[in-house]
Protein backbone atom coordinates (compact mmCIF):
# COMPACT_ATOMS: atom_id res chain seq x y z
CA MET A 1 -65.17 49.00 17.75
CA GLY A 2 -62.59 47.45 20.06
CA CYS A 3 -59.69 48.81 22.07
CA ASP A 4 -62.02 49.81 24.81
CA GLY A 5 -61.92 48.91 28.42
CA GLY A 6 -58.42 50.31 28.89
CA THR A 7 -56.49 47.86 26.67
CA ILE A 8 -53.18 49.12 25.37
CA PRO A 9 -52.11 47.37 22.14
CA ARG A 10 -48.43 46.76 21.47
CA ARG A 11 -46.61 47.47 18.25
CA ASP A 12 -46.05 43.83 17.35
CA GLU A 13 -49.79 43.29 17.67
CA LEU A 14 -50.63 46.11 15.25
CA VAL A 15 -47.74 45.79 12.74
CA ARG A 16 -46.80 42.53 11.12
CA VAL A 17 -43.07 42.04 10.95
CA LYS A 18 -41.10 39.50 8.90
CA GLN A 19 -40.46 36.37 10.90
CA LYS A 20 -36.88 35.22 11.41
CA PRO A 21 -35.94 31.89 9.78
CA GLU A 22 -35.60 28.97 12.08
CA GLN A 23 -32.00 28.38 13.08
CA LYS A 24 -30.54 24.92 12.88
CA ASP A 25 -29.40 23.21 16.00
CA LYS A 26 -25.61 23.19 15.55
CA ASP A 27 -25.08 20.30 17.94
CA ALA A 28 -27.68 18.14 16.19
CA GLU A 29 -26.25 18.97 12.77
CA ARG A 30 -22.70 18.18 13.92
CA GLU A 31 -23.76 14.87 15.45
CA PHE A 32 -25.66 13.93 12.29
CA ARG A 33 -22.57 14.40 10.12
CA TRP A 34 -20.41 12.24 12.38
CA ARG A 35 -22.94 9.42 12.80
CA HIS A 36 -24.59 9.17 9.38
CA CYS A 37 -23.45 8.24 5.88
CA THR A 38 -23.05 11.18 3.52
CA LEU A 39 -24.40 9.13 0.63
CA THR A 40 -27.53 7.50 2.09
CA GLN A 41 -28.16 9.78 5.11
CA GLN A 42 -28.50 6.62 7.23
CA GLY A 43 -26.52 5.55 10.27
CA LEU A 44 -22.87 4.65 9.67
CA GLN A 45 -22.18 0.94 9.43
CA GLU A 46 -18.78 -0.70 9.58
CA PRO A 47 -16.62 -0.81 7.59
CA ILE A 48 -16.47 2.98 7.50
CA ALA A 49 -14.76 4.81 4.65
CA MET A 50 -13.85 8.39 3.82
CA CYS A 51 -13.38 10.34 0.62
CA GLY A 52 -10.62 12.79 -0.21
CA MET A 53 -12.73 15.65 1.15
CA GLY A 54 -12.95 14.03 4.61
CA ARG A 55 -16.63 13.01 4.49
CA LEU A 56 -17.70 9.73 6.08
CA TYR A 57 -19.47 6.88 4.28
CA SER A 58 -20.64 3.35 4.84
CA LYS A 59 -18.38 1.39 2.51
CA GLN A 60 -21.15 -1.02 1.56
CA SER A 61 -23.42 1.80 0.34
CA VAL A 62 -20.62 3.26 -1.82
CA ILE A 63 -19.97 -0.14 -3.42
CA GLU A 64 -23.67 -0.63 -4.16
CA ARG A 65 -23.98 2.84 -5.70
CA LEU A 66 -20.92 2.28 -7.92
CA LEU A 67 -22.15 -1.14 -9.07
CA GLU A 68 -25.60 0.20 -9.92
CA LYS A 69 -23.96 3.17 -11.71
CA GLU A 70 -26.37 5.63 -10.14
CA PRO A 71 -25.46 9.34 -10.14
CA MET A 72 -23.73 10.57 -7.03
CA PRO A 73 -24.98 13.58 -5.05
CA GLU A 74 -23.09 16.87 -5.24
CA THR A 75 -21.26 16.21 -1.97
CA ALA A 76 -19.89 12.92 -3.36
CA ALA A 77 -19.57 13.79 -7.06
CA HIS A 78 -15.78 13.28 -6.91
CA VAL A 79 -16.20 9.62 -5.89
CA LYS A 80 -16.03 7.76 -9.20
CA SER A 81 -14.29 4.52 -8.19
CA MET A 82 -13.05 2.63 -5.15
CA LYS A 83 -9.68 4.42 -5.51
CA ASP A 84 -11.41 7.65 -4.43
CA ILE A 85 -12.27 6.31 -0.96
CA ARG A 86 -10.18 4.85 1.85
CA GLN A 87 -11.33 2.43 4.54
CA LEU A 88 -10.85 3.77 8.08
CA HIS A 89 -9.70 1.95 11.21
CA PRO A 90 -11.21 3.96 14.10
CA THR A 91 -10.77 2.97 17.73
CA PRO A 92 -14.05 1.84 19.42
CA ASN A 93 -15.15 3.73 22.54
CA PRO A 94 -15.45 1.35 25.53
CA ALA A 95 -17.97 3.74 27.14
CA PHE A 96 -20.32 3.49 24.15
CA THR A 97 -23.30 1.24 25.01
CA GLU A 98 -26.59 0.24 23.41
CA GLU A 99 -28.36 3.06 25.26
CA ASP A 100 -26.23 5.60 23.40
CA LYS A 101 -27.58 4.34 20.08
CA THR A 102 -31.11 5.49 20.90
CA GLU A 103 -32.24 9.09 20.69
CA GLY A 104 -31.64 11.10 23.82
CA LEU A 105 -29.94 14.15 25.24
CA LEU A 106 -26.71 15.11 23.52
CA ASP A 107 -24.93 15.77 26.80
CA THR A 108 -25.46 12.24 28.09
CA ARG A 109 -24.59 10.35 24.92
CA HIS A 110 -21.14 8.96 24.11
CA ALA A 111 -19.48 8.83 20.70
CA PRO A 112 -18.89 5.37 19.20
CA TYR A 113 -15.19 6.08 18.54
CA ILE A 114 -12.36 7.81 20.36
CA CYS A 115 -8.76 8.83 19.81
CA LYS A 116 -6.53 5.96 20.89
CA LEU A 117 -3.71 8.27 21.98
CA ILE A 118 -5.39 10.82 24.26
CA GLY A 119 -8.95 9.47 24.61
CA LEU A 120 -10.94 12.31 22.97
CA GLU A 121 -14.36 11.26 21.67
CA MET A 122 -14.97 11.49 17.93
CA SER A 123 -18.24 13.41 18.26
CA GLY A 124 -17.40 16.56 16.30
CA LYS A 125 -16.45 18.72 19.27
CA PHE A 126 -12.79 18.01 18.58
CA ARG A 127 -11.03 17.96 15.22
CA PHE A 128 -10.04 14.52 13.96
CA VAL A 129 -7.79 13.55 11.05
CA ALA A 130 -7.24 10.33 9.12
CA LEU A 131 -4.17 9.18 7.21
CA TRP A 132 -4.85 8.27 3.60
CA SER A 133 -1.84 5.93 3.47
CA CYS A 134 -2.97 3.54 6.24
CA GLY A 135 -6.52 4.61 7.26
CA CYS A 136 -5.75 5.21 10.95
CA VAL A 137 -7.84 7.85 12.75
CA VAL A 138 -6.44 10.13 15.49
CA SER A 139 -7.27 13.54 16.89
CA GLU A 140 -5.55 16.54 15.39
CA ARG A 141 -4.27 17.57 18.81
CA ALA A 142 -2.51 14.24 19.34
CA LEU A 143 -0.96 14.32 15.87
CA LYS A 144 0.46 17.79 16.45
CA GLN A 145 1.99 16.71 19.76
CA ILE A 146 3.67 13.65 18.24
CA LYS A 147 4.76 15.33 15.01
CA GLY A 148 7.88 16.82 16.58
CA SER A 149 9.32 13.48 17.68
CA ALA A 150 8.06 11.03 15.01
CA ALA A 151 7.35 12.94 11.84
CA SER A 152 6.10 11.18 8.70
CA THR A 153 5.25 7.94 10.57
CA CYS A 154 1.80 6.90 11.80
CA PRO A 155 1.66 6.89 15.63
CA LEU A 156 -0.59 3.79 15.62
CA CYS A 157 0.80 1.46 12.93
CA GLN A 158 4.21 3.13 12.26
CA ALA A 159 3.46 3.32 8.52
CA PRO A 160 5.12 6.21 6.64
CA TYR A 161 2.96 9.05 5.34
CA SER A 162 3.43 12.43 3.67
CA VAL A 163 1.81 15.83 4.11
CA GLU A 164 -0.88 15.22 1.47
CA ASP A 165 -2.00 12.03 3.25
CA VAL A 166 -3.41 13.93 6.27
CA VAL A 167 -7.18 14.36 5.72
CA VAL A 168 -9.35 16.42 8.09
CA LEU A 169 -12.65 14.64 8.82
CA ASN A 170 -15.82 16.74 8.40
CA GLY A 171 -13.82 19.97 8.15
CA ASN A 172 -15.04 23.52 7.50
CA ASP A 173 -14.95 25.41 4.19
CA GLU A 174 -11.27 26.27 4.50
CA ASP A 175 -10.45 22.64 5.20
CA LEU A 176 -12.43 21.53 2.14
CA GLU A 177 -10.36 23.76 -0.14
CA LEU A 178 -7.15 22.38 1.38
CA MET A 179 -8.41 18.79 1.00
CA ARG A 180 -9.17 19.44 -2.68
CA VAL A 181 -5.58 20.57 -3.22
CA LYS A 182 -4.27 17.47 -1.44
CA MET A 183 -6.45 15.27 -3.66
CA GLU A 184 -4.80 16.78 -6.73
CA MET A 185 -1.35 16.24 -5.19
CA ARG A 186 -2.08 12.56 -4.54
CA ALA A 187 -3.42 12.11 -8.08
CA ALA A 188 -0.27 13.66 -9.57
CA LYS A 189 1.91 11.48 -7.36
CA ARG A 190 0.00 8.38 -8.45
CA LYS A 191 0.46 9.23 -12.13
CA SER A 192 4.21 9.81 -11.71
CA SER A 193 4.63 6.46 -9.93
CA LYS A 194 2.78 4.71 -12.78
CA LYS A 195 5.09 6.33 -15.34
CA GLU A 196 8.16 5.20 -13.39
CA LYS A 197 6.87 1.63 -13.27
CA LYS A 198 6.20 1.63 -17.02
CA GLU A 199 9.70 2.93 -17.76
CA ALA A 200 11.24 0.29 -15.50
CA LYS A 201 9.29 -2.45 -17.31
CA LYS A 202 10.44 -1.11 -20.69
CA VAL A 203 14.08 -1.25 -19.56
CA GLU A 204 13.64 -4.86 -18.38
CA VAL A 205 12.06 -5.85 -21.71
CA LYS A 206 14.93 -4.25 -23.64
CA VAL A 207 17.53 -6.13 -21.60
CA GLU A 208 15.72 -9.43 -22.15
CA THR A 209 15.46 -8.87 -25.91
CA GLU A 210 19.17 -8.03 -26.15
CA GLU A 211 20.07 -11.19 -24.28
CA THR A 212 17.93 -13.33 -26.60
CA GLN A 213 19.23 -11.68 -29.78
CA ASP A 214 22.94 -11.85 -28.83
CA PRO A 215 23.49 -15.14 -26.99
CA VAL A 216 26.90 -16.20 -25.73
CA PRO A 217 28.66 -18.27 -28.46
CA SER A 218 29.22 -21.87 -27.48
CA THR A 219 31.81 -24.23 -29.08
CA SER A 220 29.68 -27.36 -28.70
CA LYS A 221 26.40 -25.93 -29.99
CA SER A 222 25.66 -28.50 -32.68
CA ALA A 223 28.00 -31.32 -31.61
CA PRO A 224 26.58 -33.91 -29.19
CA LEU A 225 28.06 -34.40 -25.74
CA GLU A 226 30.90 -36.93 -25.75
CA LYS A 227 33.31 -38.31 -23.17
CA PRO A 228 36.61 -36.47 -23.03
CA THR A 229 39.40 -38.32 -24.94
CA THR A 230 43.17 -38.02 -24.66
CA SER A 231 43.31 -35.67 -27.61
CA SER A 232 40.71 -33.40 -26.02
CA LYS A 233 42.70 -33.44 -22.77
CA VAL A 234 45.86 -32.44 -24.61
CA LYS A 235 44.02 -29.60 -26.29
CA ALA A 236 42.62 -28.45 -22.95
CA VAL A 237 46.10 -28.45 -21.39
CA ALA A 238 47.49 -26.48 -24.30
CA GLN A 239 44.72 -23.95 -23.96
CA LEU A 240 45.38 -23.63 -20.22
CA LYS A 241 49.07 -23.03 -20.94
CA ARG A 242 48.16 -20.18 -23.25
CA LEU A 243 45.95 -18.62 -20.60
CA GLY A 244 48.67 -18.96 -17.95
CA ALA A 245 46.75 -21.46 -15.83
CA VAL A 246 49.72 -23.87 -15.48
CA ASN A 247 51.24 -21.65 -12.83
CA ALA A 248 48.01 -21.86 -10.89
CA MET A 249 48.05 -25.68 -11.04
CA GLN A 250 51.47 -25.74 -9.39
CA ASP A 251 49.92 -24.38 -6.23
CA PRO A 252 50.27 -27.04 -3.44
CA GLU A 253 46.66 -26.47 -2.39
CA LEU A 254 45.47 -27.46 -5.87
CA LYS A 255 47.81 -30.51 -5.94
CA ARG A 256 45.83 -32.06 -3.11
CA LEU A 257 42.85 -32.42 -5.45
CA LYS A 258 44.76 -34.95 -7.59
CA SER A 259 44.13 -38.68 -7.11
CA ASP A 260 47.85 -39.61 -6.79
CA PHE A 261 48.47 -37.15 -3.97
CA SER A 262 50.08 -38.56 -0.80
CA VAL A 263 50.45 -36.89 2.58
CA ALA A 264 53.91 -38.45 2.98
CA LYS A 265 55.12 -36.39 0.00
CA ASP A 266 53.67 -33.13 1.28
CA PRO A 267 56.63 -30.87 2.26
CA LYS A 268 54.46 -28.63 4.44
CA ALA A 269 53.07 -31.44 6.63
CA SER A 270 54.88 -32.26 9.87
CA ASP A 271 56.26 -35.70 10.75
CA VAL A 272 53.71 -36.14 13.56
CA TYR A 273 50.84 -35.43 11.16
CA LYS A 274 52.28 -37.86 8.57
CA SER A 275 52.53 -40.66 11.18
CA LEU A 276 48.74 -40.72 11.43
CA PHE A 277 48.43 -42.19 7.91
CA THR A 278 49.34 -45.69 6.63
CA SER A 279 51.65 -44.22 4.01
CA HIS A 280 54.17 -43.33 6.73
CA LYS A 281 57.36 -45.48 6.88
CA THR A 282 56.72 -46.58 10.49
CA GLU A 283 53.41 -48.10 9.44
CA LYS A 284 54.99 -49.88 6.53
CA ASP A 285 57.78 -51.45 8.63
CA GLN A 286 55.64 -52.74 11.52
CA GLU A 287 55.16 -56.51 11.88
CA ARG A 288 51.73 -56.65 13.51
CA ALA A 289 48.51 -56.08 11.59
CA HIS A 290 46.80 -52.75 11.18
CA TRP A 291 44.53 -51.71 14.04
CA VAL A 292 41.46 -51.95 11.78
CA THR A 293 42.17 -55.59 10.81
CA TYR A 294 43.92 -56.55 14.06
CA ASN A 295 42.41 -59.54 15.92
CA PRO A 296 44.00 -60.62 19.22
CA PHE A 297 42.85 -64.25 18.76
CA TYR A 298 44.68 -64.72 15.49
CA ASN A 299 47.56 -62.20 15.65
């Protein structure tokens, strides 16, 4: 009946036990998230974009899905328009070659992008963040080191950013909850800025309407333009006297603007300066011609 000949059965051969579920390869899963689009599960193609939760997408696939109005998967249900994604500007890895694009050992493959500041590869082994304000991608380690000296400015493009603009790429569950809170903060900030713009436009419209309703009264509104006559000049002088402008016209600097002004009558001018002009007495008394009209053949 069996079990003869000195065989010793083991327990696992006699009792069936429940098999353990197959465990996922963590390295393969991590690499898949960093190299494939969350929406189509295909390889990432430039331009690359991210959502508010820090997941990576091929921008072209997101545009096609929004235009076709197809339902989004659960991981991208919050992406409803192009405002919900931001195009990234990662730094290419010079060590990344065509051989790295093919399937092979994970230890020998290079990531397509790196951190421009400290050179870490964007493969998932190190935490990377992106700035929602400008789209630059750096490692979290580099951002923490620079934060003390240049806070609230991007280390790559020097663009200003706030705390809610820092998005962790492909973060864990705790990071996802924090990213959801930051999404709400950015949405509230966007709404407040829209309200401020609307109020500013309303104020501008009110000012324009007041200016059009209450124009500055003009004396010659209906009368056509005419040349000034002597009577109008007399009236203007009388009006200037009432306003006290006659005292201003007695200023010697304003007298020079008159047509009958002569340098010879200027009390402030020196005698040397007056001798330069033909109105000086020495020029009037000389017998020879003026130097402009002087001709040695005839004079």
